[in-house]
Amino acid sequence: MITQAGDLTLHLIEHKRCLSTPFHPEVTLKTTRIGQVPGKETILECDAIAHPLNWFVWERDGVMLASDRYVEWD
């Protein structure tokens, strides 16, 4: 459970073996402001398009929250 407030950041991690991409990644956040009462469920969503496919991660205060595509905290 996340109980402290902090800034959330979405980062794009490009594969090092890729020398170039046909187009820059496009990321659209479902909402631009995310807030929640401590102890309550929070859903972080975004739509991302990239070619070749890249890995996107959520960070909180500079620390990666998870490496899975779908994450659930209890």
C-alpha atoms as a PDB file:
ATOM      1  CA  MET A   1       0.000   0.000   0.000  1.00  0.00           C
ATOM      2  CA  ILE A   2       1.333   3.446  -0.895  1.00  0.00           C
ATOM      3  CA  THR A   3       0.711   5.884   1.959  1.00  0.00           C
ATOM      4  CA  GLN A   4       2.964   8.856   1.133  1.00  0.00           C
ATOM      5  CA  ALA A   5       2.277  11.585  -1.373  1.00  0.00           C
ATOM      6  CA  GLY A   6       4.790  12.072  -4.159  1.00  0.00           C
ATOM      7  CA  ASP A   7       5.255  12.904  -7.814  1.00  0.00           C
ATOM      8  CA  LEU A   8       4.541  10.125 -10.322  1.00  0.00           C
ATOM      9  CA  THR A   9       6.481   9.991 -13.582  1.00  0.00           C
ATOM     10  CA  LEU A  10       6.134   7.744 -16.620  1.00  0.00           C
ATOM     11  CA  HIS A  11       9.453   6.936 -18.297  1.00  0.00           C
ATOM     12  CA  LEU A  12      10.198   5.347 -21.653  1.00  0.00           C
ATOM     13  CA  ILE A  13      13.085   2.880 -21.566  1.00  0.00           C
ATOM     14  CA  GLU A  14      14.409   2.274 -25.066  1.00  0.00           C
ATOM     15  CA  HIS A  15      16.105  -0.987 -25.989  1.00  0.00           C
ATOM     16  CA  LYS A  16      19.835  -0.347 -26.294  1.00  0.00           C
ATOM     17  CA  ARG A  17      20.144  -2.578 -29.336  1.00  0.00           C
ATOM     18  CA  CYS A  18      17.783  -0.347 -31.358  1.00  0.00           C
ATOM     19  CA  LEU A  19      19.764   2.155 -33.396  1.00  0.00           C
ATOM     20  CA  SER A  20      16.807   4.157 -34.655  1.00  0.00           C
ATOM     21  CA  THR A  21      13.034   4.249 -34.513  1.00  0.00           C
ATOM     22  CA  PRO A  22      10.750   5.013 -37.455  1.00  0.00           C
ATOM     23  CA  PHE A  23       8.762   7.419 -35.245  1.00  0.00           C
ATOM     24  CA  HIS A  24       9.025   8.842 -31.757  1.00  0.00           C
ATOM     25  CA  PRO A  25       6.945   7.176 -29.032  1.00  0.00           C
ATOM     26  CA  GLU A  26       3.561   8.754 -28.370  1.00  0.00           C
ATOM     27  CA  VAL A  27       2.241   8.633 -24.805  1.00  0.00           C
ATOM     28  CA  THR A  28      -1.230   9.813 -23.822  1.00  0.00           C
ATOM     29  CA  LEU A  29      -2.192   9.911 -20.158  1.00  0.00           C
ATOM     30  CA  LYS A  30      -5.811   9.059 -19.348  1.00  0.00           C
ATOM     31  CA  THR A  31      -5.803  11.875 -16.775  1.00  0.00           C
ATOM     32  CA  THR A  32      -3.326  14.675 -16.158  1.00  0.00           C
ATOM     33  CA  ARG A  33      -3.975  14.919 -12.404  1.00  0.00           C
ATOM     34  CA  ILE A  34      -3.918  11.861 -10.166  1.00  0.00           C
ATOM     35  CA  GLY A  35      -4.773  12.020  -6.481  1.00  0.00           C
ATOM     36  CA  GLN A  36      -6.138   9.603  -3.928  1.00  0.00           C
ATOM     37  CA  VAL A  37      -6.723   9.225  -0.213  1.00  0.00           C
ATOM     38  CA  PRO A  38      -4.033   7.026   1.414  1.00  0.00           C
ATOM     39  CA  GLY A  39      -5.134   3.392   1.595  1.00  0.00           C
ATOM     40  CA  LYS A  40      -7.515   3.628  -1.363  1.00  0.00           C
ATOM     41  CA  GLU A  41      -7.044   2.019  -4.788  1.00  0.00           C
ATOM     42  CA  THR A  42      -5.415   4.163  -7.472  1.00  0.00           C
ATOM     43  CA  ILE A  43      -5.322   3.249 -11.153  1.00  0.00           C
ATOM     44  CA  LEU A  44      -2.488   4.662 -13.274  1.00  0.00           C
ATOM     45  CA  GLU A  45      -3.223   4.368 -16.979  1.00  0.00           C
ATOM     46  CA  CYS A  46      -1.703   5.579 -20.214  1.00  0.00           C
ATOM     47  CA  ASP A  47      -1.840   4.709 -23.890  1.00  0.00           C
ATOM     48  CA  ALA A  48       1.576   4.306 -25.506  1.00  0.00           C
ATOM     49  CA  ILE A  49       2.552   3.687 -29.120  1.00  0.00           C
ATOM     50  CA  ALA A  50       6.132   3.038 -30.219  1.00  0.00           C
ATOM     51  CA  HIS A  51       7.917   1.267 -33.045  1.00  0.00           C
ATOM     52  CA  PRO A  52       9.850  -0.769 -32.293  1.00  0.00           C
ATOM     53  CA  LEU A  53       7.947  -1.580 -29.104  1.00  0.00           C
ATOM     54  CA  ASN A  54       9.562  -0.145 -25.976  1.00  0.00           C
ATOM     55  CA  TRP A  55       9.164  -0.733 -22.261  1.00  0.00           C
ATOM     56  CA  PHE A  56       7.256   1.857 -20.236  1.00  0.00           C
ATOM     57  CA  VAL A  57       7.461   2.095 -16.445  1.00  0.00           C
ATOM     58  CA  TRP A  58       5.851   4.203 -13.732  1.00  0.00           C
ATOM     59  CA  GLU A  59       8.129   5.829 -11.161  1.00  0.00           C
ATOM     60  CA  ARG A  60       7.354   7.496  -7.846  1.00  0.00           C
ATOM     61  CA  ASP A  61       9.947   9.913  -6.443  1.00  0.00           C
ATOM     62  CA  GLY A  62      12.554   8.414  -8.797  1.00  0.00           C
ATOM     63  CA  VAL A  63      11.872   4.776  -7.812  1.00  0.00           C
ATOM     64  CA  MET A  64      10.303   2.324 -10.286  1.00  0.00           C
ATOM     65  CA  LEU A  65       6.923   1.131  -8.973  1.00  0.00           C
ATOM     66  CA  ALA A  66       6.788  -2.148 -10.893  1.00  0.00           C
ATOM     67  CA  SER A  67       8.111  -3.958 -13.920  1.00  0.00           C
ATOM     68  CA  ASP A  68       4.868  -5.820 -14.697  1.00  0.00           C
ATOM     69  CA  ARG A  69       2.284  -4.656 -17.201  1.00  0.00           C
ATOM     70  CA  TYR A  70      -0.519  -4.974 -14.655  1.00  0.00           C
ATOM     71  CA  VAL A  71       0.116  -4.241 -10.985  1.00  0.00           C
ATOM     72  CA  GLU A  72      -2.179  -4.449  -7.982  1.00  0.00           C
ATOM     73  CA  TRP A  73      -1.363  -3.343  -4.451  1.00  0.00           C
ATOM     74  CA  ASP A  74      -3.280  -4.590  -1.426  1.00  0.00           C
END
